[in-house]
C-alpha atoms as a PDB file:
ATOM      1  CA  UNK A   1      -3.510   5.969  21.251  1.00  0.00           C
ATOM      2  CA  UNK A   2      -1.629   9.183  21.729  1.00  0.00           C
ATOM      3  CA  UNK A   3      -3.888  12.254  22.429  1.00  0.00           C
ATOM      4  CA  UNK A   4      -4.436  14.628  19.526  1.00  0.00           C
ATOM      5  CA  UNK A   5      -2.884  18.039  19.272  1.00  0.00           C
ATOM      6  CA  UNK A   6      -6.373  19.433  19.242  1.00  0.00           C
ATOM      7  CA  UNK A   7      -7.955  18.417  22.485  1.00  0.00           C
ATOM      8  CA  UNK A   8     -11.024  20.703  21.750  1.00  0.00           C
ATOM      9  CA  UNK A   9     -11.740  18.552  18.688  1.00  0.00           C
ATOM     10  CA  UNK A  10     -11.075  15.261  20.430  1.00  0.00           C
ATOM     11  CA  UNK A  11     -13.276  16.066  23.389  1.00  0.00           C
ATOM     12  CA  UNK A  12     -16.073  17.888  21.603  1.00  0.00           C
ATOM     13  CA  UNK A  13     -19.623  16.362  21.688  1.00  0.00           C
ATOM     14  CA  UNK A  14     -20.282  14.823  18.331  1.00  0.00           C
ATOM     15  CA  UNK A  15     -23.565  13.638  16.960  1.00  0.00           C
ATOM     16  CA  UNK A  16     -24.469  11.680  13.824  1.00  0.00           C
ATOM     17  CA  UNK A  17     -22.839   8.580  12.403  1.00  0.00           C
ATOM     18  CA  UNK A  18     -19.279   9.527  13.705  1.00  0.00           C
ATOM     19  CA  UNK A  19     -20.602  10.334  17.145  1.00  0.00           C
ATOM     20  CA  UNK A  20     -22.309   6.944  17.297  1.00  0.00           C
ATOM     21  CA  UNK A  21     -19.101   5.173  16.123  1.00  0.00           C
ATOM     22  CA  UNK A  22     -16.913   7.164  18.558  1.00  0.00           C
ATOM     23  CA  UNK A  23     -19.211   6.387  21.422  1.00  0.00           C
ATOM     24  CA  UNK A  24     -19.392   2.697  20.675  1.00  0.00           C
ATOM     25  CA  UNK A  25     -15.542   2.382  20.486  1.00  0.00           C
ATOM     26  CA  UNK A  26     -15.072   4.323  23.698  1.00  0.00           C
ATOM     27  CA  UNK A  27     -17.696   2.186  25.497  1.00  0.00           C
ATOM     28  CA  UNK A  28     -15.696  -0.951  24.490  1.00  0.00           C
ATOM     29  CA  UNK A  29     -12.399   0.609  25.592  1.00  0.00           C
ATOM     30  CA  UNK A  30     -11.039   0.619  22.069  1.00  0.00           C
ATOM     31  CA  UNK A  31      -8.812   3.384  20.617  1.00  0.00           C
ATOM     32  CA  UNK A  32     -10.776   5.789  18.423  1.00  0.00           C
ATOM     33  CA  UNK A  33      -9.184   6.621  15.033  1.00  0.00           C
ATOM     34  CA  UNK A  34      -8.232  10.292  15.446  1.00  0.00           C
ATOM     35  CA  UNK A  35      -9.501  11.262  12.055  1.00  0.00           C
ATOM     36  CA  UNK A  36     -12.978  10.287  13.194  1.00  0.00           C
ATOM     37  CA  UNK A  37     -12.922  13.057  15.707  1.00  0.00           C
ATOM     38  CA  UNK A  38     -12.208  15.527  12.865  1.00  0.00           C
ATOM     39  CA  UNK A  39     -14.910  14.149  10.710  1.00  0.00           C
ATOM     40  CA  UNK A  40     -17.466  14.362  13.501  1.00  0.00           C
ATOM     41  CA  UNK A  41     -16.306  17.920  14.485  1.00  0.00           C
ATOM     42  CA  UNK A  42     -16.353  19.311  10.977  1.00  0.00           C
ATOM     43  CA  UNK A  43     -18.668  17.098   9.149  1.00  0.00           C
ATOM     44  CA  UNK A  44     -19.378  19.526   6.321  1.00  0.00           C
ATOM     45  CA  UNK A  45     -15.730  20.207   5.758  1.00  0.00           C
ATOM     46  CA  UNK A  46     -14.609  16.523   5.756  1.00  0.00           C
ATOM     47  CA  UNK A  47     -17.599  15.076   3.875  1.00  0.00           C
ATOM     48  CA  UNK A  48     -15.709  15.134   0.554  1.00  0.00           C
ATOM     49  CA  UNK A  49     -12.663  13.385   2.043  1.00  0.00           C
ATOM     50  CA  UNK A  50     -14.889  10.617   3.460  1.00  0.00           C
ATOM     51  CA  UNK A  51     -16.593  10.244   0.121  1.00  0.00           C
ATOM     52  CA  UNK A  52     -13.172  10.045  -1.681  1.00  0.00           C
ATOM     53  CA  UNK A  53     -11.937   7.439   0.725  1.00  0.00           C
ATOM     54  CA  UNK A  54     -14.994   5.258   0.292  1.00  0.00           C
ATOM     55  CA  UNK A  55     -14.721   5.594  -3.426  1.00  0.00           C
ATOM     56  CA  UNK A  56     -11.089   4.639  -3.479  1.00  0.00           C
ATOM     57  CA  UNK A  57     -11.565   1.753  -1.164  1.00  0.00           C
ATOM     58  CA  UNK A  58     -14.945   0.502  -2.369  1.00  0.00           C
ATOM     59  CA  UNK A  59     -15.473   1.825  -5.886  1.00  0.00           C
ATOM     60  CA  UNK A  60     -14.778  -0.013  -9.133  1.00  0.00           C
ATOM     61  CA  UNK A  61     -11.191  -1.273  -9.330  1.00  0.00           C
ATOM     62  CA  UNK A  62      -9.227  -4.271 -10.677  1.00  0.00           C
ATOM     63  CA  UNK A  63      -8.364  -5.002  -6.958  1.00  0.00           C
ATOM     64  CA  UNK A  64     -11.071  -6.352  -4.530  1.00  0.00           C
ATOM     65  CA  UNK A  65     -11.854  -4.161  -1.476  1.00  0.00           C
ATOM     66  CA  UNK A  66     -10.256  -6.658   0.864  1.00  0.00           C
ATOM     67  CA  UNK A  67      -6.948  -6.512  -0.968  1.00  0.00           C
ATOM     68  CA  UNK A  68      -7.062  -2.680  -0.987  1.00  0.00           C
ATOM     69  CA  UNK A  69      -7.671  -2.719   2.781  1.00  0.00           C
ATOM     70  CA  UNK A  70      -4.653  -4.962   3.164  1.00  0.00           C
ATOM     71  CA  UNK A  71      -2.482  -2.658   1.147  1.00  0.00           C
ATOM     72  CA  UNK A  72      -3.698   0.381   3.223  1.00  0.00           C
ATOM     73  CA  UNK A  73      -2.992  -1.548   6.474  1.00  0.00           C
ATOM     74  CA  UNK A  74       0.480  -2.582   5.267  1.00  0.00           C
ATOM     75  CA  UNK A  75       1.347   1.066   4.340  1.00  0.00           C
ATOM     76  CA  UNK A  76       0.019   2.324   7.616  1.00  0.00           C
ATOM     77  CA  UNK A  77       2.096  -0.196   9.535  1.00  0.00           C
ATOM     78  CA  UNK A  78       5.199   0.760   7.523  1.00  0.00           C
ATOM     79  CA  UNK A  79       4.416   4.491   8.447  1.00  0.00           C
ATOM     80  CA  UNK A  80       3.955   3.463  12.105  1.00  0.00           C
ATOM     81  CA  UNK A  81       0.445   4.662  11.887  1.00  0.00           C
ATOM     82  CA  UNK A  82      -2.319   2.818  13.691  1.00  0.00           C
ATOM     83  CA  UNK A  83      -4.974   2.272  11.068  1.00  0.00           C
END
């Protein structure tokens, strides 16, 4: 994955849930979704965005979560965004 434009965010020490996720992905040699760096760096500022995303993807809907994930992956691919 291309480096972020904010290397101070990408290379900051992050604790909590996102720090654990980032550490696990790095230890496995997997690319880390760049938004996770921001979520870990500014947890209080991004908390509402994370809650919104979970509600949209997992909350009540006529579409099951798997289908919503498939739509999100398709749109990300069309936008040439690794998701």
